[in-house]
PDB file of N, CA and C in Angstrom:
ATOM      1  N   UNK A   1       0.497  -1.230   0.161  1.00  0.00           N
ATOM      2  CA  UNK A   1       0.049   0.127  -0.245  1.00  0.00           C
ATOM      3  C   UNK A   1       0.807   1.380   0.007  1.00  0.00           C
ATOM      4  N   UNK A   2       0.362   2.224  -0.527  1.00  0.00           N
ATOM      5  CA  UNK A   2       0.997   3.308  -0.927  1.00  0.00           C
ATOM      6  C   UNK A   2       0.552   4.610   0.377  1.00  0.00           C
ATOM      7  N   UNK A   3       1.704   5.308   0.823  1.00  0.00           N
ATOM      8  CA  UNK A   3       1.325   6.146   2.189  1.00  0.00           C
ATOM      9  C   UNK A   3       1.160   7.524   1.377  1.00  0.00           C
ATOM     10  N   UNK A   4       0.197   8.209   2.197  1.00  0.00           N
ATOM     11  CA  UNK A   4      -0.120   9.592   1.323  1.00  0.00           C
ATOM     12  C   UNK A   4       1.021  10.429   0.749  1.00  0.00           C
ATOM     13  N   UNK A   5       2.123  10.658   1.603  1.00  0.00           N
ATOM     14  CA  UNK A   5       3.429  11.127   1.205  1.00  0.00           C
ATOM     15  C   UNK A   5       4.023  10.979   0.126  1.00  0.00           C
ATOM     16  N   UNK A   6       3.633   9.502  -0.670  1.00  0.00           N
ATOM     17  CA  UNK A   6       4.354   9.008  -1.712  1.00  0.00           C
ATOM     18  C   UNK A   6       3.768   9.722  -3.033  1.00  0.00           C
ATOM     19  N   UNK A   7       2.215  10.104  -2.960  1.00  0.00           N
ATOM     20  CA  UNK A   7       1.674  10.750  -3.869  1.00  0.00           C
ATOM     21  C   UNK A   7       2.158  12.040  -4.351  1.00  0.00           C
ATOM     22  N   UNK A   8       2.234  12.328  -5.561  1.00  0.00           N
ATOM     23  CA  UNK A   8       2.687  13.683  -6.000  1.00  0.00           C
ATOM     24  C   UNK A   8       1.903  14.883  -5.692  1.00  0.00           C
ATOM     25  N   UNK A   9       2.520  15.855  -5.289  1.00  0.00           N
ATOM     26  CA  UNK A   9       1.664  17.036  -4.937  1.00  0.00           C
ATOM     27  C   UNK A   9       1.590  17.782  -5.829  1.00  0.00           C
ATOM     28  N   UNK A  10       0.150  18.147  -6.195  1.00  0.00           N
ATOM     29  CA  UNK A  10      -0.229  19.344  -7.397  1.00  0.00           C
ATOM     30  C   UNK A  10      -0.671  20.404  -6.479  1.00  0.00           C
ATOM     31  N   UNK A  11      -0.527  21.624  -7.105  1.00  0.00           N
ATOM     32  CA  UNK A  11      -1.051  22.844  -6.657  1.00  0.00           C
ATOM     33  C   UNK A  11      -2.324  22.941  -7.582  1.00  0.00           C
ATOM     34  N   UNK A  12      -3.218  23.736  -6.752  1.00  0.00           N
ATOM     35  CA  UNK A  12      -4.495  24.219  -7.612  1.00  0.00           C
ATOM     36  C   UNK A  12      -4.156  25.081  -8.613  1.00  0.00           C
ATOM     37  N   UNK A  13      -4.696  25.341  -9.630  1.00  0.00           N
ATOM     38  CA  UNK A  13      -4.644  26.247 -10.777  1.00  0.00           C
ATOM     39  C   UNK A  13      -4.995  27.628 -10.137  1.00  0.00           C
ATOM     40  N   UNK A  14      -5.901  28.100  -9.424  1.00  0.00           N
ATOM     41  CA  UNK A  14      -6.177  29.197  -9.057  1.00  0.00           C
ATOM     42  C   UNK A  14      -7.621  29.681  -9.744  1.00  0.00           C
ATOM     43  N   UNK A  15      -8.636  30.185  -8.829  1.00  0.00           N
ATOM     44  CA  UNK A  15      -9.938  30.526  -9.359  1.00  0.00           C
ATOM     45  C   UNK A  15      -9.992  31.823  -9.748  1.00  0.00           C
ATOM     46  N   UNK A  16     -11.290  32.140 -10.211  1.00  0.00           N
ATOM     47  CA  UNK A  16     -11.400  33.413 -10.689  1.00  0.00           C
ATOM     48  C   UNK A  16     -11.453  34.380  -9.404  1.00  0.00           C
ATOM     49  N   UNK A  17     -11.527  34.248  -8.254  1.00  0.00           N
ATOM     50  CA  UNK A  17     -11.244  35.242  -7.344  1.00  0.00           C
ATOM     51  C   UNK A  17      -9.707  35.532  -7.193  1.00  0.00           C
ATOM     52  N   UNK A  18      -8.874  34.715  -7.367  1.00  0.00           N
ATOM     53  CA  UNK A  18      -7.257  34.871  -7.323  1.00  0.00           C
ATOM     54  C   UNK A  18      -7.031  35.684  -8.858  1.00  0.00           C
ATOM     55  N   UNK A  19      -7.566  35.413  -9.654  1.00  0.00           N
ATOM     56  CA  UNK A  19      -7.223  36.180 -11.007  1.00  0.00           C
ATOM     57  C   UNK A  19      -7.568  37.266 -11.107  1.00  0.00           C
ATOM     58  N   UNK A  20      -8.963  37.434 -10.463  1.00  0.00           N
ATOM     59  CA  UNK A  20      -9.563  38.949 -10.230  1.00  0.00           C
ATOM     60  C   UNK A  20      -8.535  39.721  -9.333  1.00  0.00           C
ATOM     61  N   UNK A  21      -8.070  39.126  -8.222  1.00  0.00           N
ATOM     62  CA  UNK A  21      -7.381  40.014  -7.409  1.00  0.00           C
ATOM     63  C   UNK A  21      -6.018  40.239  -7.729  1.00  0.00           C
ATOM     64  N   UNK A  22      -5.260  39.267  -8.915  1.00  0.00           N
ATOM     65  CA  UNK A  22      -4.198  39.518  -9.209  1.00  0.00           C
ATOM     66  C   UNK A  22      -4.138  40.886 -10.373  1.00  0.00           C
ATOM     67  N   UNK A  23      -5.171  40.574 -11.118  1.00  0.00           N
ATOM     68  CA  UNK A  23      -5.754  41.759 -11.975  1.00  0.00           C
ATOM     69  C   UNK A  23      -5.660  43.017 -11.315  1.00  0.00           C
ATOM     70  N   UNK A  24      -6.550  43.078 -10.338  1.00  0.00           N
ATOM     71  CA  UNK A  24      -6.735  44.146  -9.610  1.00  0.00           C
ATOM     72  C   UNK A  24      -5.255  45.083  -9.073  1.00  0.00           C
ATOM     73  N   UNK A  25      -4.661  44.043  -8.671  1.00  0.00           N
ATOM     74  CA  UNK A  25      -3.201  44.418  -7.980  1.00  0.00           C
ATOM     75  C   UNK A  25      -2.062  44.942  -9.139  1.00  0.00           C
ATOM     76  N   UNK A  26      -2.272  44.363 -10.245  1.00  0.00           N
ATOM     77  CA  UNK A  26      -1.279  44.731 -11.549  1.00  0.00           C
ATOM     78  C   UNK A  26      -1.939  46.010 -12.066  1.00  0.00           C
ATOM     79  N   UNK A  27      -3.124  46.207 -11.848  1.00  0.00           N
ATOM     80  CA  UNK A  27      -3.796  47.582 -12.168  1.00  0.00           C
ATOM     81  C   UNK A  27      -3.393  48.860 -11.483  1.00  0.00           C
ATOM     82  N   UNK A  28      -3.359  48.591 -10.062  1.00  0.00           N
ATOM     83  CA  UNK A  28      -3.317  49.558  -9.291  1.00  0.00           C
ATOM     84  C   UNK A  28      -1.696  49.679  -9.338  1.00  0.00           C
ATOM     85  N   UNK A  29      -0.663  48.697  -9.452  1.00  0.00           N
ATOM     86  CA  UNK A  29       0.752  49.079  -9.799  1.00  0.00           C
ATOM     87  C   UNK A  29       0.948  49.793 -10.949  1.00  0.00           C
ATOM     88  N   UNK A  30       0.079  49.471 -12.288  1.00  0.00           N
ATOM     89  CA  UNK A  30       0.281  50.288 -13.357  1.00  0.00           C
ATOM     90  C   UNK A  30       0.091  51.657 -13.067  1.00  0.00           C
ATOM     91  N   UNK A  31      -1.209  52.060 -12.447  1.00  0.00           N
ATOM     92  CA  UNK A  31      -1.903  53.084 -12.260  1.00  0.00           C
ATOM     93  C   UNK A  31      -1.398  54.056 -11.291  1.00  0.00           C
ATOM     94  N   UNK A  32      -0.305  53.336 -10.439  1.00  0.00           N
ATOM     95  CA  UNK A  32       0.282  54.372  -9.240  1.00  0.00           C
ATOM     96  C   UNK A  32       0.884  55.374  -9.685  1.00  0.00           C
ATOM     97  N   UNK A  33       1.549  55.406 -10.954  1.00  0.00           N
ATOM     98  CA  UNK A  33       2.671  56.447 -11.518  1.00  0.00           C
ATOM     99  C   UNK A  33       1.539  57.307 -12.097  1.00  0.00           C
ATOM    100  N   UNK A  34       0.725  57.292 -12.440  1.00  0.00           N
ATOM    101  CA  UNK A  34      -0.412  58.328 -13.245  1.00  0.00           C
ATOM    102  C   UNK A  34      -0.907  59.494 -12.390  1.00  0.00           C
ATOM    103  N   UNK A  35      -0.825  59.309 -10.984  1.00  0.00           N
ATOM    104  CA  UNK A  35      -1.301  60.566 -10.322  1.00  0.00           C
ATOM    105  C   UNK A  35      -2.835  60.586 -10.265  1.00  0.00           C
ATOM    106  N   UNK A  36      -3.723  59.773 -10.909  1.00  0.00           N
ATOM    107  CA  UNK A  36      -5.074  59.959 -10.714  1.00  0.00           C
ATOM    108  C   UNK A  36      -5.599  59.851  -9.351  1.00  0.00           C
ATOM    109  N   UNK A  37      -6.964  60.205  -9.191  1.00  0.00           N
ATOM    110  CA  UNK A  37      -7.597  60.412  -8.288  1.00  0.00           C
ATOM    111  C   UNK A  37      -8.535  61.721  -8.256  1.00  0.00           C
ATOM    112  N   UNK A  38      -8.314  62.488  -7.378  1.00  0.00           N
ATOM    113  CA  UNK A  38      -9.021  63.718  -7.315  1.00  0.00           C
ATOM    114  C   UNK A  38      -8.441  64.957  -8.113  1.00  0.00           C
ATOM    115  N   UNK A  39      -9.772  65.297  -8.570  1.00  0.00           N
ATOM    116  CA  UNK A  39      -9.680  66.414  -9.762  1.00  0.00           C
ATOM    117  C   UNK A  39     -10.097  67.694  -9.042  1.00  0.00           C
ATOM    118  N   UNK A  40      -9.778  68.082  -7.648  1.00  0.00           N
ATOM    119  CA  UNK A  40     -10.256  69.266  -6.986  1.00  0.00           C
ATOM    120  C   UNK A  40      -9.074  70.327  -7.608  1.00  0.00           C
ATOM    121  N   UNK A  41      -7.925  69.795  -7.626  1.00  0.00           N
ATOM    122  CA  UNK A  41      -6.939  70.895  -7.943  1.00  0.00           C
ATOM    123  C   UNK A  41      -6.990  71.390  -9.246  1.00  0.00           C
ATOM    124  N   UNK A  42      -7.324  70.400 -10.159  1.00  0.00           N
ATOM    125  CA  UNK A  42      -7.413  70.915 -11.732  1.00  0.00           C
ATOM    126  C   UNK A  42      -8.695  71.757 -11.880  1.00  0.00           C
ATOM    127  N   UNK A  43     -10.086  71.299 -10.979  1.00  0.00           N
ATOM    128  CA  UNK A  43     -11.223  72.100 -11.209  1.00  0.00           C
ATOM    129  C   UNK A  43     -10.919  73.772 -10.470  1.00  0.00           C
ATOM    130  N   UNK A  44     -10.145  73.612  -9.603  1.00  0.00           N
ATOM    131  CA  UNK A  44     -10.066  74.830  -8.954  1.00  0.00           C
ATOM    132  C   UNK A  44      -9.212  76.298  -9.753  1.00  0.00           C
ATOM    133  N   UNK A  45      -8.181  75.314 -10.793  1.00  0.00           N
ATOM    134  CA  UNK A  45      -7.561  76.393 -11.634  1.00  0.00           C
ATOM    135  C   UNK A  45      -8.818  76.837 -12.797  1.00  0.00           C
ATOM    136  N   UNK A  46      -9.433  75.964 -12.758  1.00  0.00           N
ATOM    137  CA  UNK A  46     -10.582  76.309 -14.098  1.00  0.00           C
ATOM    138  C   UNK A  46     -11.463  76.991 -13.687  1.00  0.00           C
ATOM    139  N   UNK A  47     -11.525  77.665 -12.208  1.00  0.00           N
ATOM    140  CA  UNK A  47     -12.870  78.373 -11.897  1.00  0.00           C
ATOM    141  C   UNK A  47     -12.032  79.777 -12.177  1.00  0.00           C
ATOM    142  N   UNK A  48     -12.355  80.289 -13.477  1.00  0.00           N
ATOM    143  CA  UNK A  48     -11.765  81.464 -13.734  1.00  0.00           C
ATOM    144  C   UNK A  48     -12.784  82.815 -14.409  1.00  0.00           C
ATOM    145  N   UNK A  49     -14.244  82.369 -13.954  1.00  0.00           N
ATOM    146  CA  UNK A  49     -15.061  83.412 -14.331  1.00  0.00           C
ATOM    147  C   UNK A  49     -15.651  84.013 -12.743  1.00  0.00           C
ATOM    148  N   UNK A  50     -15.561  85.133 -12.450  1.00  0.00           N
ATOM    149  CA  UNK A  50     -15.935  85.430 -11.362  1.00  0.00           C
ATOM    150  C   UNK A  50     -17.087  86.620 -11.188  1.00  0.00           C
ATOM    151  N   UNK A  51     -17.767  86.378 -10.281  1.00  0.00           N
ATOM    152  CA  UNK A  51     -18.816  87.513 -10.333  1.00  0.00           C
ATOM    153  C   UNK A  51     -18.323  88.666  -9.334  1.00  0.00           C
ATOM    154  N   UNK A  52     -18.332  89.921  -9.988  1.00  0.00           N
ATOM    155  CA  UNK A  52     -17.597  90.949  -9.403  1.00  0.00           C
ATOM    156  C   UNK A  52     -18.538  91.627  -8.232  1.00  0.00           C
ATOM    157  N   UNK A  53     -19.806  91.325  -7.662  1.00  0.00           N
ATOM    158  CA  UNK A  53     -20.360  91.496  -6.967  1.00  0.00           C
ATOM    159  C   UNK A  53     -20.007  90.700  -5.663  1.00  0.00           C
ATOM    160  N   UNK A  54     -20.373  89.467  -5.660  1.00  0.00           N
ATOM    161  CA  UNK A  54     -20.184  88.785  -4.733  1.00  0.00           C
ATOM    162  C   UNK A  54     -19.035  87.884  -4.607  1.00  0.00           C
ATOM    163  N   UNK A  55     -18.157  87.967  -5.816  1.00  0.00           N
ATOM    164  CA  UNK A  55     -16.951  87.154  -5.859  1.00  0.00           C
ATOM    165  C   UNK A  55     -16.926  85.663  -5.847  1.00  0.00           C
ATOM    166  N   UNK A  56     -18.036  85.142  -6.411  1.00  0.00           N
ATOM    167  CA  UNK A  56     -18.313  83.739  -6.254  1.00  0.00           C
ATOM    168  C   UNK A  56     -17.605  83.242  -7.630  1.00  0.00           C
ATOM    169  N   UNK A  57     -16.839  82.592  -7.926  1.00  0.00           N
ATOM    170  CA  UNK A  57     -16.101  81.699  -8.753  1.00  0.00           C
ATOM    171  C   UNK A  57     -17.010  80.691  -9.516  1.00  0.00           C
ATOM    172  N   UNK A  58     -16.997  80.734 -11.033  1.00  0.00           N
ATOM    173  CA  UNK A  58     -17.562  79.640 -11.702  1.00  0.00           C
ATOM    174  C   UNK A  58     -16.264  79.158 -12.617  1.00  0.00           C
ATOM    175  N   UNK A  59     -16.886  77.998 -13.133  1.00  0.00           N
ATOM    176  CA  UNK A  59     -15.916  77.065 -13.881  1.00  0.00           C
ATOM    177  C   UNK A  59     -15.728  77.804 -15.591  1.00  0.00           C
ATOM    178  N   UNK A  60     -14.910  77.464 -16.118  1.00  0.00           N
ATOM    179  CA  UNK A  60     -14.548  78.412 -17.604  1.00  0.00           C
ATOM    180  C   UNK A  60     -15.780  77.842 -18.311  1.00  0.00           C
ATOM    181  N   UNK A  61     -16.240  76.563 -18.441  1.00  0.00           N
ATOM    182  CA  UNK A  61     -17.286  75.985 -19.036  1.00  0.00           C
ATOM    183  C   UNK A  61     -18.544  76.772 -18.826  1.00  0.00           C
ATOM    184  N   UNK A  62     -18.826  77.544 -17.790  1.00  0.00           N
ATOM    185  CA  UNK A  62     -20.016  77.762 -17.365  1.00  0.00           C
ATOM    186  C   UNK A  62     -20.809  79.003 -18.684  1.00  0.00           C
ATOM    187  N   UNK A  63     -22.005  78.381 -18.878  1.00  0.00           N
ATOM    188  CA  UNK A  63     -22.589  79.035 -19.813  1.00  0.00           C
ATOM    189  C   UNK A  63     -23.083  80.342 -19.710  1.00  0.00           C
ATOM    190  N   UNK A  64     -23.656  81.183 -20.359  1.00  0.00           N
ATOM    191  CA  UNK A  64     -23.923  82.622 -20.218  1.00  0.00           C
ATOM    192  C   UNK A  64     -25.142  82.564 -19.620  1.00  0.00           C
ATOM    193  N   UNK A  65     -25.775  81.617 -19.993  1.00  0.00           N
ATOM    194  CA  UNK A  65     -27.451  81.245 -19.338  1.00  0.00           C
ATOM    195  C   UNK A  65     -27.330  81.234 -17.771  1.00  0.00           C
ATOM    196  N   UNK A  66     -26.403  80.285 -17.233  1.00  0.00           N
ATOM    197  CA  UNK A  66     -26.022  80.015 -15.962  1.00  0.00           C
ATOM    198  C   UNK A  66     -25.615  81.306 -15.314  1.00  0.00           C
ATOM    199  N   UNK A  67     -24.607  82.153 -15.791  1.00  0.00           N
ATOM    200  CA  UNK A  67     -24.388  83.268 -15.270  1.00  0.00           C
ATOM    201  C   UNK A  67     -25.100  84.230 -15.295  1.00  0.00           C
ATOM    202  N   UNK A  68     -26.184  84.236 -16.279  1.00  0.00           N
ATOM    203  CA  UNK A  68     -27.469  85.073 -16.077  1.00  0.00           C
ATOM    204  C   UNK A  68     -28.572  84.781 -14.719  1.00  0.00           C
ATOM    205  N   UNK A  69     -28.492  83.399 -14.849  1.00  0.00           N
ATOM    206  CA  UNK A  69     -29.341  83.033 -13.728  1.00  0.00           C
ATOM    207  C   UNK A  69     -28.874  83.511 -12.202  1.00  0.00           C
ATOM    208  N   UNK A  70     -27.792  83.512 -12.043  1.00  0.00           N
ATOM    209  CA  UNK A  70     -26.995  83.848 -10.969  1.00  0.00           C
ATOM    210  C   UNK A  70     -27.025  85.362 -10.685  1.00  0.00           C
ATOM    211  N   UNK A  71     -26.760  85.982 -11.920  1.00  0.00           N
ATOM    212  CA  UNK A  71     -27.471  87.583 -11.714  1.00  0.00           C
ATOM    213  C   UNK A  71     -28.628  87.772 -11.359  1.00  0.00           C
ATOM    214  N   UNK A  72     -29.575  87.114 -11.888  1.00  0.00           N
ATOM    215  CA  UNK A  72     -31.092  87.445 -11.679  1.00  0.00           C
ATOM    216  C   UNK A  72     -31.518  86.909 -10.165  1.00  0.00           C
ATOM    217  N   UNK A  73     -31.165  86.056  -9.816  1.00  0.00           N
ATOM    218  CA  UNK A  73     -31.239  85.241  -8.576  1.00  0.00           C
ATOM    219  C   UNK A  73     -30.444  86.013  -7.413  1.00  0.00           C
ATOM    220  N   UNK A  74     -29.571  86.268  -7.505  1.00  0.00           N
ATOM    221  CA  UNK A  74     -28.484  86.659  -6.642  1.00  0.00           C
ATOM    222  C   UNK A  74     -28.367  88.249  -6.306  1.00  0.00           C
ATOM    223  N   UNK A  75     -28.612  88.857  -7.496  1.00  0.00           N
ATOM    224  CA  UNK A  75     -28.326  90.185  -7.480  1.00  0.00           C
ATOM    225  C   UNK A  75     -29.449  90.743  -8.507  1.00  0.00           C
ATOM    226  N   UNK A  76     -30.707  90.908  -8.056  1.00  0.00           N
ATOM    227  CA  UNK A  76     -31.580  91.441  -8.959  1.00  0.00           C
ATOM    228  C   UNK A  76     -31.573  92.901  -9.209  1.00  0.00           C
ATOM    229  N   UNK A  77     -31.110  93.601  -8.151  1.00  0.00           N
ATOM    230  CA  UNK A  77     -31.059  95.305  -8.317  1.00  0.00           C
ATOM    231  C   UNK A  77     -29.765  95.433  -9.237  1.00  0.00           C
ATOM    232  N   UNK A  78     -28.706  94.750  -9.271  1.00  0.00           N
ATOM    233  CA  UNK A  78     -27.558  94.879 -10.145  1.00  0.00           C
ATOM    234  C   UNK A  78     -27.896  94.405 -11.702  1.00  0.00           C
ATOM    235  N   UNK A  79     -27.369  94.828 -12.362  1.00  0.00           N
ATOM    236  CA  UNK A  79     -27.289  94.863 -13.918  1.00  0.00           C
ATOM    237  C   UNK A  79     -26.410  93.336 -14.458  1.00  0.00           C
ATOM    238  N   UNK A  80     -26.649  92.980 -15.132  1.00  0.00           N
ATOM    239  CA  UNK A  80     -25.804  91.477 -15.457  1.00  0.00           C
ATOM    240  C   UNK A  80     -24.379  91.911 -15.676  1.00  0.00           C
ATOM    241  N   UNK A  81     -24.096  93.045 -16.456  1.00  0.00           N
ATOM    242  CA  UNK A  81     -22.801  93.731 -16.794  1.00  0.00           C
ATOM    243  C   UNK A  81     -22.025  94.026 -15.692  1.00  0.00           C
ATOM    244  N   UNK A  82     -22.753  94.336 -14.534  1.00  0.00           N
ATOM    245  CA  UNK A  82     -22.110  94.719 -13.221  1.00  0.00           C
ATOM    246  C   UNK A  82     -21.711  93.472 -12.662  1.00  0.00           C
ATOM    247  N   UNK A  83     -22.065  92.502 -12.761  1.00  0.00           N
ATOM    248  CA  UNK A  83     -21.772  91.147 -12.010  1.00  0.00           C
ATOM    249  C   UNK A  83     -20.517  90.508 -13.160  1.00  0.00           C
ATOM    250  N   UNK A  84     -20.513  90.479 -14.451  1.00  0.00           N
ATOM    251  CA  UNK A  84     -19.751  89.956 -15.267  1.00  0.00           C
ATOM    252  C   UNK A  84     -19.455  90.982 -16.200  1.00  0.00           C
ATOM    253  N   UNK A  85     -18.699  91.974 -16.143  1.00  0.00           N
ATOM    254  CA  UNK A  85     -18.167  92.992 -17.037  1.00  0.00           C
ATOM    255  C   UNK A  85     -17.208  92.497 -18.219  1.00  0.00           C
ATOM    256  N   UNK A  86     -16.785  91.314 -17.898  1.00  0.00           N
ATOM    257  CA  UNK A  86     -15.730  90.794 -19.310  1.00  0.00           C
ATOM    258  C   UNK A  86     -16.399  90.375 -20.322  1.00  0.00           C
ATOM    259  N   UNK A  87     -17.896  90.014 -19.885  1.00  0.00           N
ATOM    260  CA  UNK A  87     -18.887  89.803 -21.015  1.00  0.00           C
ATOM    261  C   UNK A  87     -19.401  90.752 -21.833  1.00  0.00           C
ATOM    262  N   UNK A  88     -19.416  91.732 -21.472  1.00  0.00           N
ATOM    263  CA  UNK A  88     -19.934  93.132 -21.979  1.00  0.00           C
ATOM    264  C   UNK A  88     -19.402  93.309 -23.607  1.00  0.00           C
ATOM    265  N   UNK A  89     -20.087  93.270 -24.447  1.00  0.00           N
ATOM    266  CA  UNK A  89     -19.318  93.082 -25.930  1.00  0.00           C
ATOM    267  C   UNK A  89     -19.550  94.740 -26.560  1.00  0.00           C
ATOM    268  N   UNK A  90     -18.345  95.245 -26.735  1.00  0.00           N
ATOM    269  CA  UNK A  90     -18.188  96.516 -27.188  1.00  0.00           C
ATOM    270  C   UNK A  90     -18.573  96.846 -28.652  1.00  0.00           C
ATOM    271  N   UNK A  91     -19.555  97.619 -29.009  1.00  0.00           N
ATOM    272  CA  UNK A  91     -19.948  97.778 -30.390  1.00  0.00           C
ATOM    273  C   UNK A  91     -19.024  99.042 -31.132  1.00  0.00           C
ATOM    274  N   UNK A  92     -18.506  98.553 -32.080  1.00  0.00           N
ATOM    275  CA  UNK A  92     -17.962  99.381 -32.881  1.00  0.00           C
ATOM    276  C   UNK A  92     -18.561 100.352 -33.952  1.00  0.00           C
ATOM    277  N   UNK A  93     -18.667 101.371 -33.430  1.00  0.00           N
ATOM    278  CA  UNK A  93     -19.109 102.565 -34.299  1.00  0.00           C
ATOM    279  C   UNK A  93     -18.324 103.762 -35.124  1.00  0.00           C
TER     280      UNK A  93
END
């Protein structure tokens, strides 16, 4: 009779959980140098439109409609161009 220790030992091939964990670890190691994560710093740099009345900042992608809403809601007594004078278009005569 054979004893248990005389059988060749085999290791299991690895299941889906092990493969997923390895893939996650590899992706984290690859993405480590990218500096991903929070966009707060880049969003703060993009805040370059500012209301001159209350000094609230807006993203550079803000539409004129959104700025008009701000002006109408927050500063109804002030003109739109008092809040955002840089948007005033000078007419050439």
